[in-house]
Amino acid sequence: MANISLKKDNIVAIIQARCNSIRLPNKIMKKFGGIPAIELLYNRLKISKEINNIVIATSKNQCNKKLINLCKKKKINYFLGSENNVLKRYFDASKVFKADIIVRITGDSILIDPRLVDKIIKIFKNNKVDYVSNCEPPTFPDGLDVEVFSKKCLEKTFKQVKKNYDKEHVTTYIRSSKKFKTINYKNNIDYSNIRWSLDQEEDLHEINLILKHFNTKKYFSWENILKVTESKKDKFYKNFNIKRNEGAEMSKTQKLWKRAKQIIPGGNMLLSKRPELFLPNKWPAYFSKSKGCNVWDLDKKKYIDISLMGVGTNTLGYANSIVDNAVKKL
């Protein structure tokens, strides 16, 4: 009887990454010991014994040129896709690289543990499910999130998703719709309050301190990192106050305002324009448009300005057509 060879599933890790992060610009290209963050992440994933291919999925935005050049130089597979519809970017990349099983990793997870990744892939392979993760709910430190799902699951999600939020965050629909069979891998001890994700200036400092304790060219586990940080809590955990995944709930305006407060005392030069005076974490500090008594934030969300209307001087409303036309005639 002839031997029948069964086709093995093509397991592809897709890393979503871009250079135009608002809170920490160019974060994935920040260097640690002379090596860009995204390259460190890629090198750690290469240790995986389950993954067949690693792809960096970025957008067609010109700002990602440095990332693309790095991929070319290091011979790393990459894919250029949609800027805001990251779900489509994943779907298109999975087709190009013929993925049967997709491993989703975000570009800010530069301390990802390949053995933890392999563990979650094995759970997926050994169970008849659509999706496995270790972050629903999280019990591992932020920055170790791993999601594994099938080609069929991704295709179904891509066809059914309607909300922009779900298109941007890729797997939220899978986790919330209850249309898929899912498993969450939990750690015995809940370390979800620890933050190793690279998203803000405080994170940059934290990860720098961590990596100084290890040889980045050799494998070190997340447990090794935990042992170091837990033994010197007074030195580490300076980013402890940052809420996990807070960026997913923040608008572009809020992200930019948070960044501004790190650079400019008070966030801007005008006391009257500080969101904390009106609706903290909600009121837009920056307008993309203003007309009459309405203002629009950077996400094009419309507000009614019932606060100061230009510090009380704007009695005719913003962009009054009569005033504008008179000025144009001068």
Protein backbone atom coordinates (compact mmCIF):
# COMPACT_ATOMS: atom_id res chain seq x y z
CA MET A 1 0.00 0.00 0.00
CA ALA A 2 1.41 3.39 -1.00
CA ASN A 3 2.22 5.90 1.71
CA ILE A 4 -0.22 8.79 1.81
CA SER A 5 1.44 12.06 2.81
CA LEU A 6 -0.86 14.48 4.56
CA LYS A 7 -0.37 18.15 3.75
CA LYS A 8 0.80 20.13 6.78
CA ASP A 9 -0.91 23.38 7.58
CA ASN A 10 1.05 26.48 6.61
CA ILE A 11 1.34 28.47 9.84
CA VAL A 12 2.10 32.13 9.15
CA ALA A 13 2.81 34.74 11.81
CA ILE A 14 1.60 38.14 10.63
CA ILE A 15 3.02 41.10 12.54
CA GLN A 16 1.01 44.29 12.14
CA ALA A 17 3.30 47.30 12.32
CA ARG A 18 3.50 50.91 11.20
CA CYS A 19 5.76 53.89 11.80
CA ASN A 20 3.16 56.62 12.31
CA SER A 21 2.19 55.80 15.89
CA ILE A 22 0.81 58.92 17.57
CA ARG A 23 1.80 58.44 21.22
CA LEU A 24 5.32 57.18 20.45
CA PRO A 25 6.21 58.10 16.86
CA ASN A 26 8.35 55.59 14.95
CA LYS A 27 8.20 53.21 17.94
CA ILE A 28 8.90 50.03 15.97
CA MET A 29 12.16 51.52 14.67
CA LYS A 30 13.43 52.57 18.11
CA LYS A 31 16.78 50.90 18.69
CA PHE A 32 17.82 48.71 21.60
CA GLY A 33 21.51 47.91 21.60
CA GLY A 34 21.63 49.19 18.02
CA ILE A 35 18.85 46.85 16.83
CA PRO A 36 15.40 48.19 15.76
CA ALA A 37 12.50 47.02 17.93
CA ILE A 38 10.73 45.32 15.03
CA GLU A 39 13.88 43.35 14.18
CA LEU A 40 14.18 42.17 17.80
CA LEU A 41 10.57 40.98 17.62
CA TYR A 42 11.21 39.19 14.33
CA ASN A 43 14.36 37.52 15.67
CA ARG A 44 12.51 36.21 18.73
CA LEU A 45 9.66 34.82 16.60
CA LYS A 46 12.19 33.02 14.38
CA ILE A 47 12.97 30.75 17.33
CA SER A 48 9.44 29.30 17.10
CA LYS A 49 9.31 25.65 16.06
CA GLU A 50 5.70 25.82 14.91
CA ILE A 51 5.71 28.87 12.63
CA ASN A 52 6.55 28.30 8.95
CA ASN A 53 6.73 31.91 7.84
CA ILE A 54 6.83 35.41 9.36
CA VAL A 55 5.37 38.41 7.55
CA ILE A 56 5.42 42.06 8.58
CA ALA A 57 2.14 43.61 7.41
CA THR A 58 2.29 47.37 7.17
CA SER A 59 0.38 50.02 5.24
CA LYS A 60 1.11 51.77 1.97
CA ASN A 61 1.72 55.03 3.82
CA GLN A 62 4.98 56.71 2.79
CA CYS A 63 5.99 57.00 6.45
CA ASN A 64 6.72 53.25 6.50
CA LYS A 65 9.60 53.54 4.05
CA LYS A 66 12.24 52.92 6.76
CA LEU A 67 10.44 49.76 7.82
CA ILE A 68 10.20 48.50 4.25
CA ASN A 69 13.89 49.21 3.66
CA LEU A 70 14.76 47.25 6.80
CA CYS A 71 12.69 44.30 5.59
CA LYS A 72 14.45 44.36 2.23
CA LYS A 73 17.87 44.59 3.85
CA LYS A 74 17.22 41.76 6.32
CA LYS A 75 15.26 39.69 3.75
CA ILE A 76 12.13 39.73 5.88
CA ASN A 77 8.82 39.03 4.12
CA TYR A 78 6.52 42.02 4.16
CA PHE A 79 3.12 43.04 2.85
CA LEU A 80 1.71 46.48 2.05
CA GLY A 81 -2.01 46.90 2.71
CA SER A 82 -4.74 49.17 3.98
CA GLU A 83 -3.84 51.91 6.48
CA ASN A 84 -6.96 51.80 8.66
CA ASN A 85 -8.68 48.56 7.65
CA VAL A 86 -6.16 46.27 9.34
CA LEU A 87 -8.54 43.32 9.04
CA LYS A 88 -8.33 43.62 5.23
CA ARG A 89 -4.56 43.93 5.53
CA TYR A 90 -4.47 40.62 7.40
CA PHE A 91 -6.88 38.94 5.02
CA ASP A 92 -4.96 40.04 1.92
CA ALA A 93 -1.59 39.11 3.46
CA SER A 94 -2.86 35.67 4.45
CA LYS A 95 -3.91 35.00 0.84
CA VAL A 96 -0.61 36.19 -0.64
CA PHE A 97 1.41 33.99 1.72
CA LYS A 98 -1.07 31.07 1.52
CA ALA A 99 -1.66 30.82 5.27
CA ASP A 100 -3.81 28.00 6.65
CA ILE A 101 -3.32 29.12 10.24
CA ILE A 102 -2.64 32.74 11.14
CA VAL A 103 -0.73 33.88 14.22
CA ARG A 104 -1.48 37.51 15.02
CA ILE A 105 1.26 39.52 16.73
CA THR A 106 1.35 43.31 17.11
CA GLY A 107 4.51 45.30 16.41
CA ASP A 108 4.71 46.68 19.94
CA SER A 109 5.16 43.17 21.43
CA ILE A 110 8.94 43.12 21.04
CA LEU A 111 9.46 40.84 24.07
CA ILE A 112 7.13 38.16 22.69
CA ASP A 113 8.09 34.67 23.86
CA PRO A 114 8.34 32.16 20.97
CA ARG A 115 7.80 29.20 23.30
CA LEU A 116 4.59 30.75 24.59
CA VAL A 117 3.57 31.30 20.95
CA ASP A 118 4.25 27.63 20.19
CA LYS A 119 2.21 26.57 23.21
CA ILE A 120 -0.83 28.49 21.97
CA ILE A 121 -0.40 27.18 18.40
CA LYS A 122 -0.36 23.60 19.75
CA ILE A 123 -3.56 24.25 21.72
CA PHE A 124 -5.16 25.44 18.48
CA LYS A 125 -3.94 22.40 16.53
CA ASN A 126 -5.07 19.92 19.18
CA ASN A 127 -8.60 21.29 19.52
CA LYS A 128 -11.35 21.75 16.96
CA VAL A 129 -11.71 25.51 17.41
CA ASP A 130 -11.63 28.64 15.29
CA TYR A 131 -9.58 30.86 17.57
CA VAL A 132 -7.17 30.56 20.51
CA SER A 133 -5.57 33.40 22.46
CA ASN A 134 -4.05 34.22 25.83
CA CYS A 135 -5.69 37.63 26.14
CA GLU A 136 -9.44 37.07 26.56
CA PRO A 137 -9.20 37.77 29.46
CA PRO A 138 -5.45 38.47 29.82
CA THR A 139 -3.37 36.81 32.54
CA PHE A 140 0.07 37.31 30.98
CA PRO A 141 1.98 40.64 31.01
CA ASP A 142 0.88 43.15 28.38
CA GLY A 143 3.16 42.65 25.39
CA LEU A 144 2.84 38.86 25.32
CA ASP A 145 -0.53 38.72 23.55
CA VAL A 146 -0.84 35.91 21.00
CA GLU A 147 -3.85 35.12 18.81
CA VAL A 148 -4.15 32.08 16.54
CA PHE A 149 -7.02 31.52 14.11
CA SER A 150 -7.86 29.59 10.98
CA LYS A 151 -7.99 30.83 7.40
CA LYS A 152 -11.70 30.03 7.35
CA CYS A 153 -12.29 32.05 10.53
CA LEU A 154 -10.48 35.08 9.09
CA GLU A 155 -12.36 34.84 5.81
CA LYS A 156 -15.73 34.64 7.57
CA THR A 157 -14.81 37.60 9.77
CA PHE A 158 -13.69 39.66 6.79
CA LYS A 159 -17.01 39.07 5.00
CA GLN A 160 -19.23 39.78 8.02
CA VAL A 161 -17.59 42.75 9.75
CA LYS A 162 -19.30 46.10 9.23
CA LYS A 163 -18.01 48.37 12.00
CA ASN A 164 -14.84 50.40 11.46
CA TYR A 165 -13.70 49.55 14.99
CA ASP A 166 -13.70 45.83 14.17
CA LYS A 167 -11.90 46.49 10.88
CA GLU A 168 -9.17 48.38 12.73
CA HIS A 169 -8.73 45.87 15.57
CA VAL A 170 -8.94 42.65 13.49
CA THR A 171 -10.14 40.11 16.05
CA THR A 172 -12.70 42.00 18.18
CA TYR A 173 -15.55 40.58 16.10
CA ILE A 174 -14.28 37.01 16.54
CA ARG A 175 -14.21 37.48 20.32
CA SER A 176 -17.52 39.30 20.71
CA SER A 177 -19.86 37.82 18.09
CA LYS A 178 -20.14 34.35 19.70
CA LYS A 179 -20.17 32.84 16.20
CA PHE A 180 -16.84 31.08 16.66
CA LYS A 181 -15.44 28.34 18.87
CA THR A 182 -12.73 29.91 21.00
CA ILE A 183 -10.29 28.96 23.76
CA ASN A 184 -8.40 31.26 26.10
CA TYR A 185 -5.10 30.04 27.54
CA LYS A 186 -4.67 31.27 31.11
CA ASN A 187 -1.56 31.52 33.24
CA ASN A 188 -1.75 30.07 36.76
CA ILE A 189 -0.96 33.50 38.24
CA ASP A 190 -2.49 36.69 36.89
CA TYR A 191 0.28 39.04 35.71
CA SER A 192 -1.95 41.15 33.46
CA ASN A 193 -1.13 44.31 35.45
CA ILE A 194 2.50 44.16 34.26
CA ARG A 195 3.33 46.09 31.10
CA TRP A 196 6.02 45.11 28.58
CA SER A 197 4.33 46.60 25.51
CA LEU A 198 6.09 49.38 23.57
CA ASP A 199 3.52 52.12 23.09
CA GLN A 200 4.59 55.17 25.09
CA GLU A 201 7.72 56.95 26.33
CA GLU A 202 7.51 55.21 29.71
CA ASP A 203 7.43 51.83 27.94
CA LEU A 204 10.60 52.71 26.04
CA HIS A 205 12.39 53.29 29.35
CA GLU A 206 11.04 50.06 30.86
CA ILE A 207 12.03 47.84 27.92
CA ASN A 208 15.47 49.47 27.75
CA LEU A 209 16.07 48.51 31.38
CA ILE A 210 14.87 44.94 30.75
CA LEU A 211 17.01 44.35 27.67
CA LYS A 212 20.16 45.61 29.41
CA HIS A 213 19.96 42.49 31.59
CA PHE A 214 19.92 40.06 28.66
CA ASN A 215 21.90 39.16 25.57
CA THR A 216 19.42 40.01 22.80
CA LYS A 217 21.11 37.50 20.48
CA LYS A 218 20.15 34.63 22.78
CA TYR A 219 16.76 33.34 23.83
CA PHE A 220 15.38 34.42 27.21
CA SER A 221 11.90 33.54 28.36
CA TRP A 222 9.14 35.74 29.72
CA GLU A 223 9.69 33.98 33.05
CA ASN A 224 13.33 35.15 32.97
CA ILE A 225 12.13 38.72 32.47
CA LEU A 226 9.59 38.38 35.28
CA LYS A 227 12.26 37.13 37.69
CA VAL A 228 14.44 40.18 37.01
CA THR A 229 11.65 42.76 37.23
CA GLU A 230 9.96 41.25 40.30
CA SER A 231 13.25 41.18 42.21
CA LYS A 232 13.82 44.92 41.60
CA LYS A 233 10.36 46.49 41.65
CA ASP A 234 11.75 49.83 42.76
CA LYS A 235 13.78 50.02 39.52
CA PHE A 236 11.17 48.66 37.12
CA TYR A 237 7.40 49.17 36.64
CA LYS A 238 7.62 52.92 35.98
CA ASN A 239 4.88 52.43 33.36
CA PHE A 240 2.63 50.64 35.85
CA ASN A 241 -0.06 53.35 35.74
CA ILE A 242 -0.77 52.98 32.00
CA LYS A 243 -4.04 51.17 31.35
CA ARG A 244 -3.79 47.98 29.31
CA ASN A 245 -4.88 48.42 25.67
CA GLU A 246 -5.98 51.98 26.39
CA GLY A 247 -5.05 52.97 22.85
CA ALA A 248 -7.91 50.86 21.47
CA GLU A 249 -10.38 53.10 23.28
CA MET A 250 -8.69 56.43 22.58
CA SER A 251 -9.37 58.74 19.66
CA LYS A 252 -6.56 60.24 17.58
CA THR A 253 -7.13 63.54 19.39
CA GLN A 254 -6.72 61.94 22.81
CA LYS A 255 -3.57 60.12 21.73
CA LEU A 256 -2.06 63.31 20.35
CA TRP A 257 -3.01 65.22 23.50
CA LYS A 258 -1.31 62.60 25.69
CA ARG A 259 1.82 62.90 23.56
CA ALA A 260 1.67 66.72 23.70
CA LYS A 261 1.59 66.74 27.52
CA GLN A 262 4.89 64.85 27.54
CA ILE A 263 6.54 67.54 25.41
CA ILE A 264 4.73 70.81 26.22
CA PRO A 265 4.01 71.96 29.81
CA GLY A 266 0.24 71.66 30.20
CA GLY A 267 -0.15 70.21 26.70
CA ASN A 268 -0.49 73.60 24.96
CA MET A 269 -0.03 77.31 25.56
CA LEU A 270 -3.74 78.03 26.09
CA LEU A 271 -5.34 77.19 29.43
CA SER A 272 -8.78 77.57 27.89
CA LYS A 273 -8.13 74.80 25.35
CA ARG A 274 -7.24 72.04 27.80
CA PRO A 275 -9.73 69.11 27.72
CA GLU A 276 -9.43 68.64 31.49
CA LEU A 277 -11.42 71.85 31.96
CA PHE A 278 -14.46 70.49 30.15
CA LEU A 279 -14.64 66.72 29.59
CA PRO A 280 -11.41 64.91 30.57
CA ASN A 281 -10.28 62.23 28.09
CA LYS A 282 -13.23 63.05 25.82
CA TRP A 283 -13.22 66.71 24.75
CA PRO A 284 -11.06 67.23 21.62
CA ALA A 285 -7.93 69.30 22.17
CA TYR A 286 -7.48 69.59 18.40
CA PHE A 287 -10.05 70.37 15.73
CA SER A 288 -9.93 69.15 12.13
CA LYS A 289 -12.78 71.51 11.25
CA SER A 290 -15.03 74.13 12.85
CA LYS A 291 -18.24 75.73 11.60
CA GLY A 292 -20.97 77.67 13.39
CA CYS A 293 -21.21 76.27 16.90
CA ASN A 294 -19.78 72.88 15.88
CA VAL A 295 -16.25 71.46 16.00
CA TRP A 296 -14.87 68.18 14.61
CA ASP A 297 -12.02 66.19 16.15
CA LEU A 298 -9.26 64.40 14.21
CA ASP A 299 -11.51 61.35 13.73
CA LYS A 300 -14.17 63.60 12.13
CA LYS A 301 -16.47 63.21 15.15
CA LYS A 302 -18.79 66.20 15.53
CA TYR A 303 -19.25 68.16 18.79
CA ILE A 304 -21.29 71.19 19.82
CA ASP A 305 -19.03 73.82 21.39
CA ILE A 306 -21.08 74.99 24.38
CA SER A 307 -18.05 75.93 26.46
CA LEU A 308 -16.16 79.12 25.56
CA MET A 309 -16.57 79.54 21.79
CA GLY A 310 -13.10 80.92 21.23
CA VAL A 311 -12.80 82.20 24.82
CA GLY A 312 -16.08 84.08 24.46
CA THR A 313 -14.99 86.21 21.50
CA ASN A 314 -16.63 84.07 18.82
CA THR A 315 -20.20 85.42 19.04
CA LEU A 316 -20.94 84.76 15.37
CA GLY A 317 -19.74 81.17 15.42
CA TYR A 318 -16.78 79.55 13.71
CA ALA A 319 -16.09 80.24 10.02
CA ASN A 320 -18.96 82.68 9.62
CA SER A 321 -19.54 82.98 5.86
CA ILE A 322 -20.39 86.71 5.97
CA VAL A 323 -17.15 87.53 7.80
CA ASP A 324 -15.11 85.15 5.63
CA ASN A 325 -16.44 86.62 2.37
CA ALA A 326 -15.81 90.18 3.60
CA VAL A 327 -12.21 89.33 4.47
CA LYS A 328 -11.66 87.70 1.06
CA LYS A 329 -12.71 90.92 -0.68
CA LEU A 330 -10.06 92.97 1.13
